[in-house]
Amino acid sequence: MSTTDKIAGLREILALDPKNSFARYGIAVELANRGEVEAAMAEFNQLLKSDPDYTAGYFMSAQTLSRAGRTQEAIERLKLGISCAARTGNRHALSEMQGMLDELAR
């Protein structure tokens, strides 16, 4: 299945269920994989606005920002994600984000 097909399918899910965080996250990741950083970040931002406990959204958006050379924004996103992971008890995500933060802060 092509990326375009995946995004179209996920958009259909969102049309039926606008609060479907998994579908919005999938769209954001697919856009990021295609190098469409601004479009991906718009989806990540909408995801985290409507579902602030969607921990993976922080980590993947930070990775997207980092790959785009937007290190300071990635650091800020990681800090938010670490807070989310601590709040929701997601130790694995907290550890991964802390590791990335340590790398970027060097």
PDB file of N, CA and C in Angstrom:
ATOM      1  N   MET A   1       0.860  -1.184   0.000  1.00  0.00           N
ATOM      2  CA  MET A   1       0.000   0.000   0.000  1.00  0.00           C
ATOM      3  C   MET A   1       0.897   1.236   0.000  1.00  0.00           C
ATOM      4  N   SER A   2       0.597   2.170  -0.877  1.00  0.00           N
ATOM      5  CA  SER A   2       1.406   3.377  -0.956  1.00  0.00           C
ATOM      6  C   SER A   2       1.095   4.311   0.216  1.00  0.00           C
ATOM      7  N   THR A   3       2.024   5.217   0.449  1.00  0.00           N
ATOM      8  CA  THR A   3       1.835   6.203   1.519  1.00  0.00           C
ATOM      9  C   THR A   3       0.576   7.017   1.279  1.00  0.00           C
ATOM     10  N   THR A   4       0.346   7.387   0.020  1.00  0.00           N
ATOM     11  CA  THR A   4      -0.837   8.167  -0.313  1.00  0.00           C
ATOM     12  C   THR A   4      -2.103   7.390   0.033  1.00  0.00           C
ATOM     13  N   ASP A   5      -2.109   6.084  -0.272  1.00  0.00           N
ATOM     14  CA  ASP A   5      -3.267   5.240   0.054  1.00  0.00           C
ATOM     15  C   ASP A   5      -3.465   5.143   1.561  1.00  0.00           C
ATOM     16  N   LYS A   6      -2.351   4.996   2.306  1.00  0.00           N
ATOM     17  CA  LYS A   6      -2.444   4.921   3.762  1.00  0.00           C
ATOM     18  C   LYS A   6      -3.050   6.199   4.323  1.00  0.00           C
ATOM     19  N   ILE A   7      -2.548   7.327   3.850  1.00  0.00           N
ATOM     20  CA  ILE A   7      -3.053   8.614   4.338  1.00  0.00           C
ATOM     21  C   ILE A   7      -4.522   8.764   3.983  1.00  0.00           C
ATOM     22  N   ALA A   8      -4.901   8.388   2.768  1.00  0.00           N
ATOM     23  CA  ALA A   8      -6.309   8.492   2.357  1.00  0.00           C
ATOM     24  C   ALA A   8      -7.188   7.621   3.246  1.00  0.00           C
ATOM     25  N   GLY A   9      -6.743   6.408   3.539  1.00  0.00           N
ATOM     26  CA  GLY A   9      -7.512   5.525   4.407  1.00  0.00           C
ATOM     27  C   GLY A   9      -7.653   6.079   5.813  1.00  0.00           C
ATOM     28  N   LEU A  10      -6.563   6.624   6.324  1.00  0.00           N
ATOM     29  CA  LEU A  10      -6.606   7.210   7.666  1.00  0.00           C
ATOM     30  C   LEU A  10      -7.485   8.459   7.707  1.00  0.00           C
ATOM     31  N   ARG A  11      -7.467   9.233   6.620  1.00  0.00           N
ATOM     32  CA  ARG A  11      -8.348  10.413   6.560  1.00  0.00           C
ATOM     33  C   ARG A  11      -9.818  10.004   6.532  1.00  0.00           C
ATOM     34  N   GLU A  12     -10.113   8.874   5.898  1.00  0.00           N
ATOM     35  CA  GLU A  12     -11.492   8.365   5.905  1.00  0.00           C
ATOM     36  C   GLU A  12     -11.921   8.012   7.328  1.00  0.00           C
ATOM     37  N   ILE A  13     -11.021   7.395   8.075  1.00  0.00           N
ATOM     38  CA  ILE A  13     -11.317   7.069   9.479  1.00  0.00           C
ATOM     39  C   ILE A  13     -11.574   8.349  10.261  1.00  0.00           C
ATOM     40  N   LEU A  14     -10.727   9.363  10.039  1.00  0.00           N
ATOM     41  CA  LEU A  14     -10.911  10.641  10.746  1.00  0.00           C
ATOM     42  C   LEU A  14     -12.216  11.320  10.374  1.00  0.00           C
ATOM     43  N   ALA A  15     -12.634  11.155   9.130  1.00  0.00           N
ATOM     44  CA  ALA A  15     -13.900  11.758   8.707  1.00  0.00           C
ATOM     45  C   ALA A  15     -15.065  11.144   9.494  1.00  0.00           C
ATOM     46  N   LEU A  16     -14.968   9.854   9.784  1.00  0.00           N
ATOM     47  CA  LEU A  16     -16.005   9.174  10.557  1.00  0.00           C
ATOM     48  C   LEU A  16     -15.866   9.408  12.058  1.00  0.00           C
ATOM     49  N   ASP A  17     -14.617   9.593  12.498  1.00  0.00           N
ATOM     50  CA  ASP A  17     -14.331   9.759  13.919  1.00  0.00           C
ATOM     51  C   ASP A  17     -13.218  10.793  14.090  1.00  0.00           C
ATOM     52  N   PRO A  18     -13.576  12.081  14.099  1.00  0.00           N
ATOM     53  CA  PRO A  18     -12.576  13.146  14.147  1.00  0.00           C
ATOM     54  C   PRO A  18     -11.661  13.114  15.372  1.00  0.00           C
ATOM     55  N   LYS A  19     -12.053  12.382  16.400  1.00  0.00           N
ATOM     56  CA  LYS A  19     -11.229  12.305  17.608  1.00  0.00           C
ATOM     57  C   LYS A  19     -10.375  11.037  17.652  1.00  0.00           C
ATOM     58  N   ASN A  20     -10.264  10.337  16.539  1.00  0.00           N
ATOM     59  CA  ASN A  20      -9.490   9.109  16.493  1.00  0.00           C
ATOM     60  C   ASN A  20      -8.000   9.453  16.500  1.00  0.00           C
ATOM     61  N   SER A  21      -7.404   9.370  17.667  1.00  0.00           N
ATOM     62  CA  SER A  21      -6.000   9.756  17.840  1.00  0.00           C
ATOM     63  C   SER A  21      -5.056   8.865  17.046  1.00  0.00           C
ATOM     64  N   PHE A  22      -5.337   7.575  16.991  1.00  0.00           N
ATOM     65  CA  PHE A  22      -4.466   6.667  16.259  1.00  0.00           C
ATOM     66  C   PHE A  22      -4.412   7.029  14.777  1.00  0.00           C
ATOM     67  N   ALA A  23      -5.562   7.358  14.195  1.00  0.00           N
ATOM     68  CA  ALA A  23      -5.600   7.727  12.772  1.00  0.00           C
ATOM     69  C   ALA A  23      -4.825   9.022  12.544  1.00  0.00           C
ATOM     70  N   ARG A  24      -5.018  10.011  13.400  1.00  0.00           N
ATOM     71  CA  ARG A  24      -4.310  11.285  13.238  1.00  0.00           C
ATOM     72  C   ARG A  24      -2.803  11.081  13.395  1.00  0.00           C
ATOM     73  N   TYR A  25      -2.412  10.260  14.368  1.00  0.00           N
ATOM     74  CA  TYR A  25      -0.998   9.945  14.569  1.00  0.00           C
ATOM     75  C   TYR A  25      -0.428   9.269  13.317  1.00  0.00           C
ATOM     76  N   GLY A  26      -1.175   8.332  12.765  1.00  0.00           N
ATOM     77  CA  GLY A  26      -0.729   7.642  11.555  1.00  0.00           C
ATOM     78  C   GLY A  26      -0.527   8.591  10.392  1.00  0.00           C
ATOM     79  N   ILE A  27      -1.440   9.513  10.223  1.00  0.00           N
ATOM     80  CA  ILE A  27      -1.304  10.513   9.159  1.00  0.00           C
ATOM     81  C   ILE A  27      -0.040  11.334   9.391  1.00  0.00           C
ATOM     82  N   ALA A  28       0.163  11.786  10.608  1.00  0.00           N
ATOM     83  CA  ALA A  28       1.337  12.605  10.926  1.00  0.00           C
ATOM     84  C   ALA A  28       2.629  11.848  10.626  1.00  0.00           C
ATOM     85  N   VAL A  29       2.689  10.591  11.031  1.00  0.00           N
ATOM     86  CA  VAL A  29       3.894   9.785  10.803  1.00  0.00           C
ATOM     87  C   VAL A  29       4.132   9.583   9.311  1.00  0.00           C
ATOM     88  N   GLU A  30       3.077   9.269   8.568  1.00  0.00           N
ATOM     89  CA  GLU A  30       3.226   9.077   7.121  1.00  0.00           C
ATOM     90  C   GLU A  30       3.703  10.364   6.439  1.00  0.00           C
ATOM     91  N   LEU A  31       3.141  11.486   6.837  1.00  0.00           N
ATOM     92  CA  LEU A  31       3.584  12.761   6.268  1.00  0.00           C
ATOM     93  C   LEU A  31       5.049  13.030   6.610  1.00  0.00           C
ATOM     94  N   ALA A  32       5.431  12.743   7.841  1.00  0.00           N
ATOM     95  CA  ALA A  32       6.828  12.933   8.253  1.00  0.00           C
ATOM     96  C   ALA A  32       7.749  12.037   7.429  1.00  0.00           C
ATOM     97  N   ASN A  33       7.328  10.803   7.209  1.00  0.00           N
ATOM     98  CA  ASN A  33       8.137   9.873   6.413  1.00  0.00           C
ATOM     99  C   ASN A  33       8.310  10.343   4.977  1.00  0.00           C
ATOM    100  N   ARG A  34       7.335  11.081   4.476  1.00  0.00           N
ATOM    101  CA  ARG A  34       7.426  11.645   3.117  1.00  0.00           C
ATOM    102  C   ARG A  34       8.215  12.939   3.086  1.00  0.00           C
ATOM    103  N   GLY A  35       8.631  13.426   4.254  1.00  0.00           N
ATOM    104  CA  GLY A  35       9.394  14.668   4.312  1.00  0.00           C
ATOM    105  C   GLY A  35       8.539  15.919   4.343  1.00  0.00           C
ATOM    106  N   GLU A  36       7.244  15.753   4.553  1.00  0.00           N
ATOM    107  CA  GLU A  36       6.326  16.896   4.606  1.00  0.00           C
ATOM    108  C   GLU A  36       6.229  17.361   6.060  1.00  0.00           C
ATOM    109  N   VAL A  37       7.301  18.040   6.491  1.00  0.00           N
ATOM    110  CA  VAL A  37       7.456  18.389   7.901  1.00  0.00           C
ATOM    111  C   VAL A  37       6.339  19.300   8.400  1.00  0.00           C
ATOM    112  N   GLU A  38       6.015  20.336   7.671  1.00  0.00           N
ATOM    113  CA  GLU A  38       4.984  21.281   8.153  1.00  0.00           C
ATOM    114  C   GLU A  38       3.626  20.615   8.257  1.00  0.00           C
ATOM    115  N   ALA A  39       3.279  19.816   7.252  1.00  0.00           N
ATOM    116  CA  ALA A  39       1.990  19.112   7.292  1.00  0.00           C
ATOM    117  C   ALA A  39       1.981  18.094   8.435  1.00  0.00           C
ATOM    118  N   ALA A  40       3.096  17.401   8.616  1.00  0.00           N
ATOM    119  CA  ALA A  40       3.186  16.432   9.709  1.00  0.00           C
ATOM    120  C   ALA A  40       3.050  17.134  11.056  1.00  0.00           C
ATOM    121  N   MET A  41       3.729  18.245  11.221  1.00  0.00           N
ATOM    122  CA  MET A  41       3.676  18.956  12.496  1.00  0.00           C
ATOM    123  C   MET A  41       2.276  19.502  12.764  1.00  0.00           C
ATOM    124  N   ALA A  42       1.573  19.912  11.719  1.00  0.00           N
ATOM    125  CA  ALA A  42       0.187  20.377  11.908  1.00  0.00           C
ATOM    126  C   ALA A  42      -0.665  19.235  12.460  1.00  0.00           C
ATOM    127  N   GLU A  43      -0.456  18.020  11.937  1.00  0.00           N
ATOM    128  CA  GLU A  43      -1.216  16.865  12.429  1.00  0.00           C
ATOM    129  C   GLU A  43      -0.799  16.501  13.853  1.00  0.00           C
ATOM    130  N   PHE A  44       0.505  16.490  14.119  1.00  0.00           N
ATOM    131  CA  PHE A  44       0.968  16.208  15.485  1.00  0.00           C
ATOM    132  C   PHE A  44       0.407  17.230  16.470  1.00  0.00           C
ATOM    133  N   ASN A  45       0.434  18.503  16.081  1.00  0.00           N
ATOM    134  CA  ASN A  45      -0.070  19.549  16.981  1.00  0.00           C
ATOM    135  C   ASN A  45      -1.554  19.376  17.256  1.00  0.00           C
ATOM    136  N   GLN A  46      -2.316  19.044  16.229  1.00  0.00           N
ATOM    137  CA  GLN A  46      -3.758  18.809  16.419  1.00  0.00           C
ATOM    138  C   GLN A  46      -3.984  17.594  17.315  1.00  0.00           C
ATOM    139  N   LEU A  47      -3.207  16.549  17.085  1.00  0.00           N
ATOM    140  CA  LEU A  47      -3.302  15.338  17.904  1.00  0.00           C
ATOM    141  C   LEU A  47      -3.073  15.669  19.376  1.00  0.00           C
ATOM    142  N   LEU A  48      -1.994  16.378  19.665  1.00  0.00           N
ATOM    143  CA  LEU A  48      -1.634  16.647  21.056  1.00  0.00           C
ATOM    144  C   LEU A  48      -2.552  17.677  21.705  1.00  0.00           C
ATOM    145  N   LYS A  49      -3.169  18.513  20.880  1.00  0.00           N
ATOM    146  CA  LYS A  49      -4.160  19.452  21.415  1.00  0.00           C
ATOM    147  C   LYS A  49      -5.414  18.698  21.853  1.00  0.00           C
ATOM    148  N   SER A  50      -5.852  17.742  21.027  1.00  0.00           N
ATOM    149  CA  SER A  50      -7.083  17.029  21.343  1.00  0.00           C
ATOM    150  C   SER A  50      -6.847  15.837  22.281  1.00  0.00           C
ATOM    151  N   ASP A  51      -5.621  15.327  22.327  1.00  0.00           N
ATOM    152  CA  ASP A  51      -5.319  14.166  23.164  1.00  0.00           C
ATOM    153  C   ASP A  51      -3.933  14.350  23.794  1.00  0.00           C
ATOM    154  N   PRO A  52      -3.838  15.214  24.808  1.00  0.00           N
ATOM    155  CA  PRO A  52      -2.533  15.546  25.384  1.00  0.00           C
ATOM    156  C   PRO A  52      -1.828  14.385  26.072  1.00  0.00           C
ATOM    157  N   ASP A  53      -2.494  13.260  26.250  1.00  0.00           N
ATOM    158  CA  ASP A  53      -1.856  12.089  26.849  1.00  0.00           C
ATOM    159  C   ASP A  53      -1.367  11.075  25.813  1.00  0.00           C
ATOM    160  N   TYR A  54      -1.392  11.427  24.537  1.00  0.00           N
ATOM    161  CA  TYR A  54      -0.920  10.523  23.479  1.00  0.00           C
ATOM    162  C   TYR A  54       0.598  10.632  23.396  1.00  0.00           C
ATOM    163  N   THR A  55       1.260   9.913  24.271  1.00  0.00           N
ATOM    164  CA  THR A  55       2.698  10.050  24.491  1.00  0.00           C
ATOM    165  C   THR A  55       3.525   9.887  23.223  1.00  0.00           C
ATOM    166  N   ALA A  56       3.183   8.929  22.390  1.00  0.00           N
ATOM    167  CA  ALA A  56       3.965   8.684  21.175  1.00  0.00           C
ATOM    168  C   ALA A  56       3.991   9.908  20.261  1.00  0.00           C
ATOM    169  N   GLY A  57       2.948  10.724  20.316  1.00  0.00           N
ATOM    170  CA  GLY A  57       2.908  11.926  19.490  1.00  0.00           C
ATOM    171  C   GLY A  57       4.022  12.905  19.818  1.00  0.00           C
ATOM    172  N   TYR A  58       4.370  12.983  21.084  1.00  0.00           N
ATOM    173  CA  TYR A  58       5.465  13.873  21.480  1.00  0.00           C
ATOM    174  C   TYR A  58       6.793  13.366  20.934  1.00  0.00           C
ATOM    175  N   PHE A  59       7.023  12.066  21.095  1.00  0.00           N
ATOM    176  CA  PHE A  59       8.299  11.489  20.695  1.00  0.00           C
ATOM    177  C   PHE A  59       8.480  11.563  19.177  1.00  0.00           C
ATOM    178  N   MET A  60       7.455  11.159  18.436  1.00  0.00           N
ATOM    179  CA  MET A  60       7.576  11.176  16.973  1.00  0.00           C
ATOM    180  C   MET A  60       7.641  12.594  16.421  1.00  0.00           C
ATOM    181  N   SER A  61       6.926  13.518  17.031  1.00  0.00           N
ATOM    182  CA  SER A  61       7.026  14.897  16.541  1.00  0.00           C
ATOM    183  C   SER A  61       8.400  15.475  16.866  1.00  0.00           C
ATOM    184  N   ALA A  62       8.975  15.097  18.012  1.00  0.00           N
ATOM    185  CA  ALA A  62      10.333  15.549  18.340  1.00  0.00           C
ATOM    186  C   ALA A  62      11.334  14.976  17.342  1.00  0.00           C
ATOM    187  N   GLN A  63      11.159  13.711  16.974  1.00  0.00           N
ATOM    188  CA  GLN A  63      12.052  13.116  15.978  1.00  0.00           C
ATOM    189  C   GLN A  63      11.914  13.825  14.633  1.00  0.00           C
ATOM    190  N   THR A  64      10.699  14.167  14.264  1.00  0.00           N
ATOM    191  CA  THR A  64      10.457  14.877  13.008  1.00  0.00           C
ATOM    192  C   THR A  64      11.151  16.240  13.034  1.00  0.00           C
ATOM    193  N   LEU A  65      10.997  16.955  14.133  1.00  0.00           N
ATOM    194  CA  LEU A  65      11.646  18.260  14.272  1.00  0.00           C
ATOM    195  C   LEU A  65      13.168  18.125  14.236  1.00  0.00           C
ATOM    196  N   SER A  66      13.686  17.144  14.922  1.00  0.00           N
ATOM    197  CA  SER A  66      15.130  16.941  14.961  1.00  0.00           C
ATOM    198  C   SER A  66      15.685  16.655  13.566  1.00  0.00           C
ATOM    199  N   ARG A  67      15.024  15.764  12.824  1.00  0.00           N
ATOM    200  CA  ARG A  67      15.475  15.444  11.461  1.00  0.00           C
ATOM    201  C   ARG A  67      15.435  16.673  10.560  1.00  0.00           C
ATOM    202  N   ALA A  68      14.536  17.605  10.866  1.00  0.00           N
ATOM    203  CA  ALA A  68      14.417  18.830  10.064  1.00  0.00           C
ATOM    204  C   ALA A  68      15.403  19.906  10.527  1.00  0.00           C
ATOM    205  N   GLY A  69      16.245  19.570  11.500  1.00  0.00           N
ATOM    206  CA  GLY A  69      17.228  20.529  11.993  1.00  0.00           C
ATOM    207  C   GLY A  69      16.663  21.536  12.974  1.00  0.00           C
ATOM    208  N   ARG A  70      15.481  21.276  13.467  1.00  0.00           N
ATOM    209  CA  ARG A  70      14.807  22.193  14.387  1.00  0.00           C
ATOM    210  C   ARG A  70      15.011  21.686  15.827  1.00  0.00           C
ATOM    211  N   THR A  71      16.282  21.691  16.229  1.00  0.00           N
ATOM    212  CA  THR A  71      16.698  21.067  17.480  1.00  0.00           C
ATOM    213  C   THR A  71      16.034  21.677  18.701  1.00  0.00           C
ATOM    214  N   GLN A  72      15.983  22.989  18.777  1.00  0.00           N
ATOM    215  CA  GLN A  72      15.406  23.619  19.966  1.00  0.00           C
ATOM    216  C   GLN A  72      13.921  23.268  20.109  1.00  0.00           C
ATOM    217  N   GLU A  73      13.213  23.248  18.993  1.00  0.00           N
ATOM    218  CA  GLU A  73      11.803  22.851  19.036  1.00  0.00           C
ATOM    219  C   GLU A  73      11.666  21.385  19.450  1.00  0.00           C
ATOM    220  N   ALA A  74      12.583  20.543  18.970  1.00  0.00           N
ATOM    221  CA  ALA A  74      12.560  19.129  19.345  1.00  0.00           C
ATOM    222  C   ALA A  74      12.788  18.975  20.842  1.00  0.00           C
ATOM    223  N   ILE A  75      13.717  19.741  21.383  1.00  0.00           N
ATOM    224  CA  ILE A  75      13.992  19.698  22.819  1.00  0.00           C
ATOM    225  C   ILE A  75      12.754  20.094  23.615  1.00  0.00           C
ATOM    226  N   GLU A  76      12.095  21.154  23.203  1.00  0.00           N
ATOM    227  CA  GLU A  76      10.882  21.596  23.907  1.00  0.00           C
ATOM    228  C   GLU A  76       9.794  20.539  23.841  1.00  0.00           C
ATOM    229  N   ARG A  77       9.645  19.911  22.674  1.00  0.00           N
ATOM    230  CA  ARG A  77       8.628  18.870  22.521  1.00  0.00           C
ATOM    231  C   ARG A  77       8.960  17.676  23.398  1.00  0.00           C
ATOM    232  N   LEU A  78      10.242  17.320  23.481  1.00  0.00           N
ATOM    233  CA  LEU A  78      10.643  16.207  24.338  1.00  0.00           C
ATOM    234  C   LEU A  78      10.344  16.497  25.802  1.00  0.00           C
ATOM    235  N   LYS A  79      10.568  17.715  26.225  1.00  0.00           N
ATOM    236  CA  LYS A  79      10.278  18.060  27.620  1.00  0.00           C
ATOM    237  C   LYS A  79       8.792  17.888  27.920  1.00  0.00           C
ATOM    238  N   LEU A  80       7.947  18.294  26.982  1.00  0.00           N
ATOM    239  CA  LEU A  80       6.506  18.093  27.146  1.00  0.00           C
ATOM    240  C   LEU A  80       6.169  16.604  27.160  1.00  0.00           C
ATOM    241  N   GLY A  81       6.821  15.861  26.292  1.00  0.00           N
ATOM    242  CA  GLY A  81       6.582  14.433  26.217  1.00  0.00           C
ATOM    243  C   GLY A  81       7.020  13.695  27.469  1.00  0.00           C
ATOM    244  N   ILE A  82       8.131  14.115  28.033  1.00  0.00           N
ATOM    245  CA  ILE A  82       8.617  13.498  29.271  1.00  0.00           C
ATOM    246  C   ILE A  82       7.622  13.755  30.397  1.00  0.00           C
ATOM    247  N   SER A  83       7.097  14.953  30.456  1.00  0.00           N
ATOM    248  CA  SER A  83       6.067  15.260  31.456  1.00  0.00           C
ATOM    249  C   SER A  83       4.837  14.387  31.252  1.00  0.00           C
ATOM    250  N   CYS A  84       4.434  14.214  30.002  1.00  0.00           N
ATOM    251  CA  CYS A  84       3.276  13.369  29.688  1.00  0.00           C
ATOM    252  C   CYS A  84       3.546  11.930  30.094  1.00  0.00           C
ATOM    253  N   ALA A  85       4.714  11.423  29.741  1.00  0.00           N
ATOM    254  CA  ALA A  85       5.047  10.034  30.057  1.00  0.00           C
ATOM    255  C   ALA A  85       5.079   9.813  31.569  1.00  0.00           C
ATOM    256  N   ALA A  86       5.594  10.787  32.307  1.00  0.00           N
ATOM    257  CA  ALA A  86       5.618  10.679  33.770  1.00  0.00           C
ATOM    258  C   ALA A  86       4.194  10.689  34.319  1.00  0.00           C
ATOM    259  N   ARG A  87       3.367  11.572  33.775  1.00  0.00           N
ATOM    260  CA  ARG A  87       1.978  11.712  34.228  1.00  0.00           C
ATOM    261  C   ARG A  87       1.163  10.451  33.963  1.00  0.00           C
ATOM    262  N   THR A  88       1.433   9.803  32.828  1.00  0.00           N
ATOM    263  CA  THR A  88       0.649   8.635  32.443  1.00  0.00           C
ATOM    264  C   THR A  88       1.315   7.319  32.853  1.00  0.00           C
ATOM    265  N   GLY A  89       2.490   7.397  33.453  1.00  0.00           N
ATOM    266  CA  GLY A  89       3.174   6.201  33.913  1.00  0.00           C
ATOM    267  C   GLY A  89       3.829   5.377  32.823  1.00  0.00           C
ATOM    268  N   ASN A  90       4.152   5.998  31.702  1.00  0.00           N
ATOM    269  CA  ASN A  90       4.773   5.289  30.583  1.00  0.00           C
ATOM    270  C   ASN A  90       6.297   5.393  30.714  1.00  0.00           C
ATOM    271  N   ARG A  91       6.869   4.491  31.485  1.00  0.00           N
ATOM    272  CA  ARG A  91       8.306   4.545  31.771  1.00  0.00           C
ATOM    273  C   ARG A  91       9.165   4.314  30.536  1.00  0.00           C
ATOM    274  N   HIS A  92       8.724   3.420  29.658  1.00  0.00           N
ATOM    275  CA  HIS A  92       9.502   3.133  28.450  1.00  0.00           C
ATOM    276  C   HIS A  92       9.624   4.389  27.580  1.00  0.00           C
ATOM    277  N   ALA A  93       8.515   5.043  27.332  1.00  0.00           N
ATOM    278  CA  ALA A  93       8.542   6.261  26.524  1.00  0.00           C
ATOM    279  C   ALA A  93       9.357   7.350  27.215  1.00  0.00           C
ATOM    280  N   LEU A  94       9.213   7.457  28.521  1.00  0.00           N
ATOM    281  CA  LEU A  94       9.975   8.445  29.274  1.00  0.00           C
ATOM    282  C   LEU A  94      11.476   8.205  29.073  1.00  0.00           C
ATOM    283  N   SER A  95      11.897   6.956  29.174  1.00  0.00           N
ATOM    284  CA  SER A  95      13.302   6.609  29.013  1.00  0.00           C
ATOM    285  C   SER A  95      13.803   6.942  27.604  1.00  0.00           C
ATOM    286  N   GLU A  96      13.012   6.588  26.591  1.00  0.00           N
ATOM    287  CA  GLU A  96      13.410   6.874  25.208  1.00  0.00           C
ATOM    288  C   GLU A  96      13.519   8.377  24.963  1.00  0.00           C
ATOM    289  N   MET A  97      12.543   9.129  25.444  1.00  0.00           N
ATOM    290  CA  MET A  97      12.578  10.575  25.229  1.00  0.00           C
ATOM    291  C   MET A  97      13.702  11.230  26.012  1.00  0.00           C
ATOM    292  N   GLN A  98      13.962  10.746  27.220  1.00  0.00           N
ATOM    293  CA  GLN A  98      15.064  11.297  28.003  1.00  0.00           C
ATOM    294  C   GLN A  98      16.396  11.039  27.301  1.00  0.00           C
ATOM    295  N   GLY A  99      16.546   9.851  26.723  1.00  0.00           N
ATOM    296  CA  GLY A  99      17.758   9.538  25.971  1.00  0.00           C
ATOM    297  C   GLY A  99      17.952  10.454  24.784  1.00  0.00           C
ATOM    298  N   MET A 100      16.874  10.700  24.053  1.00  0.00           N
ATOM    299  CA  MET A 100      16.967  11.605  22.897  1.00  0.00           C
ATOM    300  C   MET A 100      17.262  13.026  23.370  1.00  0.00           C
ATOM    301  N   LEU A 101      16.609  13.443  24.445  1.00  0.00           N
ATOM    302  CA  LEU A 101      16.853  14.785  24.983  1.00  0.00           C
ATOM    303  C   LEU A 101      18.325  14.934  25.376  1.00  0.00           C
ATOM    304  N   ASP A 102      18.872  13.932  26.042  1.00  0.00           N
ATOM    305  CA  ASP A 102      20.280  13.983  26.437  1.00  0.00           C
ATOM    306  C   ASP A 102      21.184  14.130  25.226  1.00  0.00           C
ATOM    307  N   GLU A 103      20.868  13.397  24.156  1.00  0.00           N
ATOM    308  CA  GLU A 103      21.663  13.496  22.919  1.00  0.00           C
ATOM    309  C   GLU A 103      21.576  14.886  22.300  1.00  0.00           C
ATOM    310  N   LEU A 104      20.359  15.422  22.221  1.00  0.00           N
ATOM    311  CA  LEU A 104      20.178  16.737  21.569  1.00  0.00           C
ATOM    312  C   LEU A 104      20.763  17.867  22.403  1.00  0.00           C
ATOM    313  N   ALA A 105      20.790  17.696  23.713  1.00  0.00           N
ATOM    314  CA  ALA A 105      21.250  18.768  24.591  1.00  0.00           C
ATOM    315  C   ALA A 105      22.778  18.861  24.662  1.00  0.00           C
ATOM    316  N   ARG A 106      23.468  17.923  24.029  1.00  0.00           N
ATOM    317  CA  ARG A 106      24.945  17.937  24.059  1.00  0.00           C
ATOM    318  C   ARG A 106      25.511  19.065  23.260  1.00  0.00           C
TER     319      ARG A 106
END
